[in-house]
Every structure is written in C-alpha cells, then in structure tokens.
mmCIF file of all heavy atoms, coordinates in Angstrom:
data_MODEL
# 
_entry.id   MODEL 
# 
loop_
_atom_site.group_PDB 
_atom_site.id 
_atom_site.type_symbol 
_atom_site.label_atom_id 
_atom_site.label_alt_id 
_atom_site.label_comp_id 
_atom_site.label_asym_id 
_atom_site.label_entity_id 
_atom_site.label_seq_id 
_atom_site.pdbx_PDB_ins_code 
_atom_site.Cartn_x 
_atom_site.Cartn_y 
_atom_site.Cartn_z 
_atom_site.occupancy 
_atom_site.B_iso_or_equiv 
_atom_site.pdbx_formal_charge 
_atom_site.auth_seq_id 
_atom_site.auth_comp_id 
_atom_site.auth_asym_id 
_atom_site.auth_atom_id 
_atom_site.pdbx_PDB_model_num 
ATOM 1   N N   . VAL A 1 1  ? 17.452 1.541   3.163   1.00 0.00 ? 1  VAL A N   1 
ATOM 2   C CA  . VAL A 1 1  ? 18.067 0.241   2.792   1.00 0.00 ? 1  VAL A CA  1 
ATOM 3   C C   . VAL A 1 1  ? 17.672 -0.779  3.800   1.00 0.00 ? 1  VAL A C   1 
ATOM 4   O O   . VAL A 1 1  ? 17.305 -1.925  3.426   1.00 0.00 ? 1  VAL A O   1 
ATOM 5   C CB  . VAL A 1 1  ? 19.584 0.473   2.797   1.00 0.00 ? 1  VAL A CB  1 
ATOM 6   C CG1 . VAL A 1 1  ? 20.277 -0.858  2.567   1.00 0.00 ? 1  VAL A CG1 1 
ATOM 7   C CG2 . VAL A 1 1  ? 19.985 1.442   1.671   1.00 0.00 ? 1  VAL A CG2 1 
ATOM 8   N N   . GLN A 1 2  ? 17.754 -0.501  5.096   1.00 0.00 ? 2  GLN A N   1 
ATOM 9   C CA  . GLN A 1 2  ? 17.328 -1.454  6.151   1.00 0.00 ? 2  GLN A CA  1 
ATOM 10  C C   . GLN A 1 2  ? 15.988 -1.929  5.972   1.00 0.00 ? 2  GLN A C   1 
ATOM 11  O O   . GLN A 1 2  ? 15.645 -3.103  6.091   1.00 0.00 ? 2  GLN A O   1 
ATOM 12  C CB  . GLN A 1 2  ? 17.443 -0.770  7.531   1.00 0.00 ? 2  GLN A CB  1 
ATOM 13  C CG  . GLN A 1 2  ? 18.919 -0.488  7.999   1.00 0.00 ? 2  GLN A CG  1 
ATOM 14  C CD  . GLN A 1 2  ? 18.944 0.244   9.320   1.00 0.00 ? 2  GLN A CD  1 
ATOM 15  O OE1 . GLN A 1 2  ? 17.953 0.904   9.628   1.00 0.00 ? 2  GLN A OE1 1 
ATOM 16  N NE2 . GLN A 1 2  ? 19.988 0.155   10.038  1.00 0.00 ? 2  GLN A NE2 1 
ATOM 17  N N   . THR A 1 3  ? 15.104 -1.026  5.678   1.00 0.00 ? 3  THR A N   1 
ATOM 18  C CA  . THR A 1 3  ? 13.664 -1.333  5.525   1.00 0.00 ? 3  THR A CA  1 
ATOM 19  C C   . THR A 1 3  ? 13.414 -2.201  4.312   1.00 0.00 ? 3  THR A C   1 
ATOM 20  O O   . THR A 1 3  ? 12.716 -3.241  4.466   1.00 0.00 ? 3  THR A O   1 
ATOM 21  C CB  . THR A 1 3  ? 12.825 -0.016  5.457   1.00 0.00 ? 3  THR A CB  1 
ATOM 22  O OG1 . THR A 1 3  ? 13.109 0.812   6.636   1.00 0.00 ? 3  THR A OG1 1 
ATOM 23  C CG2 . THR A 1 3  ? 11.342 -0.381  5.361   1.00 0.00 ? 3  THR A CG2 1 
ATOM 24  N N   . ARG A 1 4  ? 14.001 -1.848  3.269   1.00 0.00 ? 4  ARG A N   1 
ATOM 25  C CA  . ARG A 1 4  ? 13.841 -2.663  2.037   1.00 0.00 ? 4  ARG A CA  1 
ATOM 26  C C   . ARG A 1 4  ? 14.341 -4.097  2.275   1.00 0.00 ? 4  ARG A C   1 
ATOM 27  O O   . ARG A 1 4  ? 13.652 -4.998  1.855   1.00 0.00 ? 4  ARG A O   1 
ATOM 28  C CB  . ARG A 1 4  ? 14.660 -1.975  0.824   1.00 0.00 ? 4  ARG A CB  1 
ATOM 29  C CG  . ARG A 1 4  ? 14.611 -2.927  -0.491  1.00 0.00 ? 4  ARG A CG  1 
ATOM 30  C CD  . ARG A 1 4  ? 15.307 -2.237  -1.563  1.00 0.00 ? 4  ARG A CD  1 
ATOM 31  N NE  . ARG A 1 4  ? 16.706 -1.828  -1.355  1.00 0.00 ? 4  ARG A NE  1 
ATOM 32  C CZ  . ARG A 1 4  ? 17.801 -2.546  -1.285  1.00 0.00 ? 4  ARG A CZ  1 
ATOM 33  N NH1 . ARG A 1 4  ? 17.694 -3.869  -1.563  1.00 0.00 ? 4  ARG A NH1 1 
ATOM 34  N NH2 . ARG A 1 4  ? 18.961 -2.084  -1.071  1.00 0.00 ? 4  ARG A NH2 1 
ATOM 35  N N   . LEU A 1 5  ? 15.525 -4.243  2.855   1.00 0.00 ? 5  LEU A N   1 
ATOM 36  C CA  . LEU A 1 5  ? 16.045 -5.544  3.052   1.00 0.00 ? 5  LEU A CA  1 
ATOM 37  C C   . LEU A 1 5  ? 15.196 -6.386  4.035   1.00 0.00 ? 5  LEU A C   1 
ATOM 38  O O   . LEU A 1 5  ? 14.974 -7.550  3.905   1.00 0.00 ? 5  LEU A O   1 
ATOM 39  C CB  . LEU A 1 5  ? 17.480 -5.450  3.632   1.00 0.00 ? 5  LEU A CB  1 
ATOM 40  C CG  . LEU A 1 5  ? 18.529 -4.884  2.462   1.00 0.00 ? 5  LEU A CG  1 
ATOM 41  C CD1 . LEU A 1 5  ? 19.860 -4.707  3.151   1.00 0.00 ? 5  LEU A CD1 1 
ATOM 42  C CD2 . LEU A 1 5  ? 18.542 -5.818  1.349   1.00 0.00 ? 5  LEU A CD2 1 
ATOM 43  N N   . ALA A 1 6  ? 14.717 -5.699  5.104   1.00 0.00 ? 6  ALA A N   1 
ATOM 44  C CA  . ALA A 1 6  ? 13.827 -6.365  6.120   1.00 0.00 ? 6  ALA A CA  1 
ATOM 45  C C   . ALA A 1 6  ? 12.490 -6.772  5.494   1.00 0.00 ? 6  ALA A C   1 
ATOM 46  O O   . ALA A 1 6  ? 11.926 -7.793  5.926   1.00 0.00 ? 6  ALA A O   1 
ATOM 47  C CB  . ALA A 1 6  ? 13.520 -5.345  7.194   1.00 0.00 ? 6  ALA A CB  1 
ATOM 48  N N   . LEU A 1 7  ? 12.117 -6.039  4.440   1.00 0.00 ? 7  LEU A N   1 
ATOM 49  C CA  . LEU A 1 7  ? 10.833 -6.430  3.758   1.00 0.00 ? 7  LEU A CA  1 
ATOM 50  C C   . LEU A 1 7  ? 11.128 -7.553  2.786   1.00 0.00 ? 7  LEU A C   1 
ATOM 51  O O   . LEU A 1 7  ? 10.190 -8.093  2.195   1.00 0.00 ? 7  LEU A O   1 
ATOM 52  C CB  . LEU A 1 7  ? 10.241 -5.267  3.039   1.00 0.00 ? 7  LEU A CB  1 
ATOM 53  C CG  . LEU A 1 7  ? 9.650  -4.157  3.898   1.00 0.00 ? 7  LEU A CG  1 
ATOM 54  C CD1 . LEU A 1 7  ? 9.360  -2.963  3.151   1.00 0.00 ? 7  LEU A CD1 1 
ATOM 55  C CD2 . LEU A 1 7  ? 8.278  -4.702  4.647   1.00 0.00 ? 7  LEU A CD2 1 
ATOM 56  N N   . GLY A 1 8  ? 12.376 -8.028  2.561   1.00 0.00 ? 8  GLY A N   1 
ATOM 57  C CA  . GLY A 1 8  ? 12.709 -9.133  1.735   1.00 0.00 ? 8  GLY A CA  1 
ATOM 58  C C   . GLY A 1 8  ? 13.024 -8.770  0.344   1.00 0.00 ? 8  GLY A C   1 
ATOM 59  O O   . GLY A 1 8  ? 13.090 -9.689  -0.527  1.00 0.00 ? 8  GLY A O   1 
ATOM 60  N N   . TYR A 1 9  ? 13.248 -7.534  0.018   1.00 0.00 ? 9  TYR A N   1 
ATOM 61  C CA  . TYR A 1 9  ? 13.617 -7.099  -1.313  1.00 0.00 ? 9  TYR A CA  1 
ATOM 62  C C   . TYR A 1 9  ? 15.137 -6.905  -1.424  1.00 0.00 ? 9  TYR A C   1 
ATOM 63  O O   . TYR A 1 9  ? 15.755 -6.004  -0.772  1.00 0.00 ? 9  TYR A O   1 
ATOM 64  C CB  . TYR A 1 9  ? 12.978 -5.825  -1.730  1.00 0.00 ? 9  TYR A CB  1 
ATOM 65  C CG  . TYR A 1 9  ? 11.569 -5.948  -1.905  1.00 0.00 ? 9  TYR A CG  1 
ATOM 66  C CD1 . TYR A 1 9  ? 10.646 -5.753  -0.837  1.00 0.00 ? 9  TYR A CD1 1 
ATOM 67  C CD2 . TYR A 1 9  ? 10.925 -6.330  -3.119  1.00 0.00 ? 9  TYR A CD2 1 
ATOM 68  C CE1 . TYR A 1 9  ? 9.243  -6.040  -0.972  1.00 0.00 ? 9  TYR A CE1 1 
ATOM 69  C CE2 . TYR A 1 9  ? 9.545  -6.519  -3.297  1.00 0.00 ? 9  TYR A CE2 1 
ATOM 70  C CZ  . TYR A 1 9  ? 8.748  -6.329  -2.213  1.00 0.00 ? 9  TYR A CZ  1 
ATOM 71  O OH  . TYR A 1 9  ? 7.390  -6.594  -2.339  1.00 0.00 ? 9  TYR A OH  1 
ATOM 72  N N   . LYS A 1 10 ? 15.820 -7.824  -2.141  1.00 0.00 ? 10 LYS A N   1 
ATOM 73  C CA  . LYS A 1 10 ? 17.303 -7.738  -2.200  1.00 0.00 ? 10 LYS A CA  1 
ATOM 74  C C   . LYS A 1 10 ? 17.736 -6.591  -3.058  1.00 0.00 ? 10 LYS A C   1 
ATOM 75  O O   . LYS A 1 10 ? 18.902 -6.128  -2.943  1.00 0.00 ? 10 LYS A O   1 
ATOM 76  C CB  . LYS A 1 10 ? 17.716 -9.033  -2.715  1.00 0.00 ? 10 LYS A CB  1 
ATOM 77  C CG  . LYS A 1 10 ? 17.512 -10.202 -1.709  1.00 0.00 ? 10 LYS A CG  1 
ATOM 78  C CD  . LYS A 1 10 ? 18.071 -11.495 -2.226  1.00 0.00 ? 10 LYS A CD  1 
ATOM 79  C CE  . LYS A 1 10 ? 17.863 -12.570 -1.174  1.00 0.00 ? 10 LYS A CE  1 
ATOM 80  N NZ  . LYS A 1 10 ? 18.380 -13.845 -1.562  1.00 0.00 ? 10 LYS A NZ  1 
ATOM 81  N N   . THR A 1 11 ? 16.978 -6.169  -4.028  1.00 0.00 ? 11 THR A N   1 
ATOM 82  C CA  . THR A 1 11 ? 17.443 -5.113  -5.057  1.00 0.00 ? 11 THR A CA  1 
ATOM 83  C C   . THR A 1 11 ? 16.471 -3.960  -5.007  1.00 0.00 ? 11 THR A C   1 
ATOM 84  O O   . THR A 1 11 ? 15.311 -4.081  -4.634  1.00 0.00 ? 11 THR A O   1 
ATOM 85  C CB  . THR A 1 11 ? 17.444 -5.713  -6.440  1.00 0.00 ? 11 THR A CB  1 
ATOM 86  O OG1 . THR A 1 11 ? 16.118 -5.868  -6.838  1.00 0.00 ? 11 THR A OG1 1 
ATOM 87  C CG2 . THR A 1 11 ? 18.251 -6.927  -6.528  1.00 0.00 ? 11 THR A CG2 1 
ATOM 88  N N   . GLN A 1 12 ? 17.078 -2.821  -5.254  1.00 0.00 ? 12 GLN A N   1 
ATOM 89  C CA  . GLN A 1 12 ? 16.382 -1.591  -5.360  1.00 0.00 ? 12 GLN A CA  1 
ATOM 90  C C   . GLN A 1 12 ? 15.322 -1.711  -6.474  1.00 0.00 ? 12 GLN A C   1 
ATOM 91  O O   . GLN A 1 12 ? 14.193 -1.197  -6.320  1.00 0.00 ? 12 GLN A O   1 
ATOM 92  C CB  . GLN A 1 12 ? 17.267 -0.338  -5.545  1.00 0.00 ? 12 GLN A CB  1 
ATOM 93  C CG  . GLN A 1 12 ? 18.261 -0.042  -4.406  1.00 0.00 ? 12 GLN A CG  1 
ATOM 94  C CD  . GLN A 1 12 ? 19.101 1.078   -4.790  1.00 0.00 ? 12 GLN A CD  1 
ATOM 95  O OE1 . GLN A 1 12 ? 19.108 1.574   -5.873  1.00 0.00 ? 12 GLN A OE1 1 
ATOM 96  N NE2 . GLN A 1 12 ? 19.943 1.422   -3.934  1.00 0.00 ? 12 GLN A NE2 1 
ATOM 97  N N   . SER A 1 13 ? 15.711 -2.270  -7.568  1.00 0.00 ? 13 SER A N   1 
ATOM 98  C CA  . SER A 1 13 ? 14.875 -2.472  -8.682  1.00 0.00 ? 13 SER A CA  1 
ATOM 99  C C   . SER A 1 13 ? 13.570 -3.115  -8.389  1.00 0.00 ? 13 SER A C   1 
ATOM 100 O O   . SER A 1 13 ? 12.460 -2.676  -8.756  1.00 0.00 ? 13 SER A O   1 
ATOM 101 C CB  . SER A 1 13 ? 15.539 -3.174  -9.835  1.00 0.00 ? 13 SER A CB  1 
ATOM 102 O OG  . SER A 1 13 ? 14.807 -3.301  -10.882 1.00 0.00 ? 13 SER A OG  1 
ATOM 103 N N   . ALA A 1 14 ? 13.659 -4.332  -7.606  1.00 0.00 ? 14 ALA A N   1 
ATOM 104 C CA  . ALA A 1 14 ? 12.474 -5.023  -7.306  1.00 0.00 ? 14 ALA A CA  1 
ATOM 105 C C   . ALA A 1 14 ? 11.567 -4.217  -6.310  1.00 0.00 ? 14 ALA A C   1 
ATOM 106 O O   . ALA A 1 14 ? 10.302 -4.148  -6.517  1.00 0.00 ? 14 ALA A O   1 
ATOM 107 C CB  . ALA A 1 14 ? 12.941 -6.395  -6.626  1.00 0.00 ? 14 ALA A CB  1 
ATOM 108 N N   . PHE A 1 15 ? 12.192 -3.457  -5.394  1.00 0.00 ? 15 PHE A N   1 
ATOM 109 C CA  . PHE A 1 15 ? 11.417 -2.681  -4.463  1.00 0.00 ? 15 PHE A CA  1 
ATOM 110 C C   . PHE A 1 15 ? 10.789 -1.524  -5.176  1.00 0.00 ? 15 PHE A C   1 
ATOM 111 O O   . PHE A 1 15 ? 9.587  -1.225  -4.997  1.00 0.00 ? 15 PHE A O   1 
ATOM 112 C CB  . PHE A 1 15 ? 12.362 -2.158  -3.313  1.00 0.00 ? 15 PHE A CB  1 
ATOM 113 C CG  . PHE A 1 15 ? 11.638 -1.490  -2.313  1.00 0.00 ? 15 PHE A CG  1 
ATOM 114 C CD1 . PHE A 1 15 ? 10.788 -2.162  -1.352  1.00 0.00 ? 15 PHE A CD1 1 
ATOM 115 C CD2 . PHE A 1 15 ? 11.701 -0.070  -2.013  1.00 0.00 ? 15 PHE A CD2 1 
ATOM 116 C CE1 . PHE A 1 15 ? 10.141 -1.597  -0.340  1.00 0.00 ? 15 PHE A CE1 1 
ATOM 117 C CE2 . PHE A 1 15 ? 11.051 0.595   -0.976  1.00 0.00 ? 15 PHE A CE2 1 
ATOM 118 C CZ  . PHE A 1 15 ? 10.308 -0.186  -0.150  1.00 0.00 ? 15 PHE A CZ  1 
ATOM 119 N N   . ALA A 1 16 ? 11.507 -0.804  -6.011  1.00 0.00 ? 16 ALA A N   1 
ATOM 120 C CA  . ALA A 1 16 ? 10.896 0.214   -6.857  1.00 0.00 ? 16 ALA A CA  1 
ATOM 121 C C   . ALA A 1 16 ? 9.810  -0.291  -7.720  1.00 0.00 ? 16 ALA A C   1 
ATOM 122 O O   . ALA A 1 16 ? 8.821  0.482   -7.829  1.00 0.00 ? 16 ALA A O   1 
ATOM 123 C CB  . ALA A 1 16 ? 12.036 0.927   -7.717  1.00 0.00 ? 16 ALA A CB  1 
ATOM 124 N N   . GLY A 1 17 ? 10.036 -1.377  -8.300  1.00 0.00 ? 17 GLY A N   1 
ATOM 125 C CA  . GLY A 1 17 ? 8.907  -1.965  -9.125  1.00 0.00 ? 17 GLY A CA  1 
ATOM 126 C C   . GLY A 1 17 ? 7.643  -2.153  -8.340  1.00 0.00 ? 17 GLY A C   1 
ATOM 127 O O   . GLY A 1 17 ? 6.562  -1.960  -8.914  1.00 0.00 ? 17 GLY A O   1 
ATOM 128 N N   . GLN A 1 18 ? 7.769  -2.578  -7.087  1.00 0.00 ? 18 GLN A N   1 
ATOM 129 C CA  . GLN A 1 18 ? 6.540  -2.770  -6.208  1.00 0.00 ? 18 GLN A CA  1 
ATOM 130 C C   . GLN A 1 18 ? 5.869  -1.462  -5.886  1.00 0.00 ? 18 GLN A C   1 
ATOM 131 O O   . GLN A 1 18 ? 4.693  -1.374  -5.761  1.00 0.00 ? 18 GLN A O   1 
ATOM 132 C CB  . GLN A 1 18 ? 6.901  -3.459  -4.935  1.00 0.00 ? 18 GLN A CB  1 
ATOM 133 C CG  . GLN A 1 18 ? 7.179  -4.938  -5.144  1.00 0.00 ? 18 GLN A CG  1 
ATOM 134 C CD  . GLN A 1 18 ? 5.922  -5.651  -5.540  1.00 0.00 ? 18 GLN A CD  1 
ATOM 135 O OE1 . GLN A 1 18 ? 4.925  -5.537  -5.031  1.00 0.00 ? 18 GLN A OE1 1 
ATOM 136 N NE2 . GLN A 1 18 ? 6.097  -6.447  -6.677  1.00 0.00 ? 18 GLN A NE2 1 
ATOM 137 N N   . LEU A 1 19 ? 6.628  -0.351  -5.926  1.00 0.00 ? 19 LEU A N   1 
ATOM 138 C CA  . LEU A 1 19 ? 6.116  0.959   -5.670  1.00 0.00 ? 19 LEU A CA  1 
ATOM 139 C C   . LEU A 1 19 ? 5.496  1.558   -6.975  1.00 0.00 ? 19 LEU A C   1 
ATOM 140 O O   . LEU A 1 19 ? 4.787  2.614   -6.944  1.00 0.00 ? 19 LEU A O   1 
ATOM 141 C CB  . LEU A 1 19 ? 7.217  1.881   -5.100  1.00 0.00 ? 19 LEU A CB  1 
ATOM 142 C CG  . LEU A 1 19 ? 7.764  1.504   -3.786  1.00 0.00 ? 19 LEU A CG  1 
ATOM 143 C CD1 . LEU A 1 19 ? 8.858  2.407   -3.436  1.00 0.00 ? 19 LEU A CD1 1 
ATOM 144 C CD2 . LEU A 1 19 ? 6.683  1.519   -2.656  1.00 0.00 ? 19 LEU A CD2 1 
ATOM 145 N N   . GLY A 1 20 ? 5.910  0.958   -8.154  1.00 0.00 ? 20 GLY A N   1 
ATOM 146 C CA  . GLY A 1 20 ? 5.305  1.574   -9.371  1.00 0.00 ? 20 GLY A CA  1 
ATOM 147 C C   . GLY A 1 20 ? 6.177  2.683   -9.835  1.00 0.00 ? 20 GLY A C   1 
ATOM 148 O O   . GLY A 1 20 ? 5.772  3.551   -10.650 1.00 0.00 ? 20 GLY A O   1 
ATOM 149 N N   . ILE A 1 21 ? 7.434  2.732   -9.473  1.00 0.00 ? 21 ILE A N   1 
ATOM 150 C CA  . ILE A 1 21 ? 8.328  3.830   -9.847  1.00 0.00 ? 21 ILE A CA  1 
ATOM 151 C C   . ILE A 1 21 ? 9.643  3.139   -10.497 1.00 0.00 ? 21 ILE A C   1 
ATOM 152 O O   . ILE A 1 21 ? 9.916  1.981   -10.205 1.00 0.00 ? 21 ILE A O   1 
ATOM 153 C CB  . ILE A 1 21 ? 8.785  4.776   -8.743  1.00 0.00 ? 21 ILE A CB  1 
ATOM 154 C CG1 . ILE A 1 21 ? 9.475  4.077   -7.625  1.00 0.00 ? 21 ILE A CG1 1 
ATOM 155 C CG2 . ILE A 1 21 ? 7.554  5.512   -8.222  1.00 0.00 ? 21 ILE A CG2 1 
ATOM 156 C CD1 . ILE A 1 21 ? 10.084 5.009   -6.557  1.00 0.00 ? 21 ILE A CD1 1 
ATOM 157 N N   . GLY A 1 22 ? 10.381 3.954   -11.176 1.00 0.00 ? 22 GLY A N   1 
ATOM 158 C CA  . GLY A 1 22 ? 11.728 3.476   -11.804 1.00 0.00 ? 22 GLY A CA  1 
ATOM 159 C C   . GLY A 1 22 ? 12.710 3.277   -10.791 1.00 0.00 ? 22 GLY A C   1 
ATOM 160 O O   . GLY A 1 22 ? 12.849 4.057   -9.775  1.00 0.00 ? 22 GLY A O   1 
ATOM 161 N N   . SER A 1 23 ? 13.633 2.401   -11.098 1.00 0.00 ? 23 SER A N   1 
ATOM 162 C CA  . SER A 1 23 ? 14.785 2.141   -10.094 1.00 0.00 ? 23 SER A CA  1 
ATOM 163 C C   . SER A 1 23 ? 15.716 3.401   -9.882  1.00 0.00 ? 23 SER A C   1 
ATOM 164 O O   . SER A 1 23 ? 16.119 3.713   -8.875  1.00 0.00 ? 23 SER A O   1 
ATOM 165 C CB  . SER A 1 23 ? 15.597 0.966   -10.609 1.00 0.00 ? 23 SER A CB  1 
ATOM 166 O OG  . SER A 1 23 ? 16.655 0.745   -9.804  1.00 0.00 ? 23 SER A OG  1 
ATOM 167 N N   . PRO A 1 24 ? 15.910 4.101   -11.127 1.00 0.00 ? 24 PRO A N   1 
ATOM 168 C CA  . PRO A 1 24 ? 16.746 5.286   -10.965 1.00 0.00 ? 24 PRO A CA  1 
ATOM 169 C C   . PRO A 1 24 ? 16.111 6.336   -10.050 1.00 0.00 ? 24 PRO A C   1 
ATOM 170 O O   . PRO A 1 24 ? 16.740 7.035   -9.312  1.00 0.00 ? 24 PRO A O   1 
ATOM 171 C CB  . PRO A 1 24 ? 16.852 5.849   -12.393 1.00 0.00 ? 24 PRO A CB  1 
ATOM 172 C CG  . PRO A 1 24 ? 16.650 4.590   -13.365 1.00 0.00 ? 24 PRO A CG  1 
ATOM 173 C CD  . PRO A 1 24 ? 15.642 3.776   -12.546 1.00 0.00 ? 24 PRO A CD  1 
ATOM 174 N N   . GLN A 1 25 ? 14.803 6.508   -10.174 1.00 0.00 ? 25 GLN A N   1 
ATOM 175 C CA  . GLN A 1 25 ? 14.068 7.417   -9.319  1.00 0.00 ? 25 GLN A CA  1 
ATOM 176 C C   . GLN A 1 25 ? 14.293 6.993   -7.750  1.00 0.00 ? 25 GLN A C   1 
ATOM 177 O O   . GLN A 1 25 ? 14.488 7.932   -6.971  1.00 0.00 ? 25 GLN A O   1 
ATOM 178 C CB  . GLN A 1 25 ? 12.612 7.542   -9.750  1.00 0.00 ? 25 GLN A CB  1 
ATOM 179 C CG  . GLN A 1 25 ? 11.792 8.495   -8.796  1.00 0.00 ? 25 GLN A CG  1 
ATOM 180 C CD  . GLN A 1 25 ? 10.288 8.436   -9.075  1.00 0.00 ? 25 GLN A CD  1 
ATOM 181 O OE1 . GLN A 1 25 ? 9.843  7.732   -10.002 1.00 0.00 ? 25 GLN A OE1 1 
ATOM 182 N NE2 . GLN A 1 25 ? 9.593  9.191   -8.319  1.00 0.00 ? 25 GLN A NE2 1 
ATOM 183 N N   . TYR A 1 26 ? 14.179 5.802   -7.506  1.00 0.00 ? 26 TYR A N   1 
ATOM 184 C CA  . TYR A 1 26 ? 14.275 5.359   -6.161  1.00 0.00 ? 26 TYR A CA  1 
ATOM 185 C C   . TYR A 1 26 ? 15.723 5.299   -5.629  1.00 0.00 ? 26 TYR A C   1 
ATOM 186 O O   . TYR A 1 26 ? 15.991 5.625   -4.530  1.00 0.00 ? 26 TYR A O   1 
ATOM 187 C CB  . TYR A 1 26 ? 13.597 3.977   -5.946  1.00 0.00 ? 26 TYR A CB  1 
ATOM 188 C CG  . TYR A 1 26 ? 13.779 3.478   -4.548  1.00 0.00 ? 26 TYR A CG  1 
ATOM 189 C CD1 . TYR A 1 26 ? 12.872 4.037   -3.552  1.00 0.00 ? 26 TYR A CD1 1 
ATOM 190 C CD2 . TYR A 1 26 ? 14.737 2.515   -4.123  1.00 0.00 ? 26 TYR A CD2 1 
ATOM 191 C CE1 . TYR A 1 26 ? 13.044 3.582   -2.220  1.00 0.00 ? 26 TYR A CE1 1 
ATOM 192 C CE2 . TYR A 1 26 ? 14.825 2.187   -2.831  1.00 0.00 ? 26 TYR A CE2 1 
ATOM 193 C CZ  . TYR A 1 26 ? 13.970 2.695   -1.914  1.00 0.00 ? 26 TYR A CZ  1 
ATOM 194 O OH  . TYR A 1 26 ? 14.153 2.235   -0.583  1.00 0.00 ? 26 TYR A OH  1 
# 
C-alpha cells in the first residue's frame, strides 16, 4: 500500500492495470 501510494497510484485498480493484472487479483 505504501509503495503504490508513493508511486502516485491512488487506487489498487489503476496500479493493477499498470501491471497488466486484474484488480481482484492484486
């Protein structure tokens, strides 16, 4: 969580999308 927010991704969905995986998986 800390890492995602520090990278500027407010949502899990946006971060997961950048990884190419689904939000539920992440």
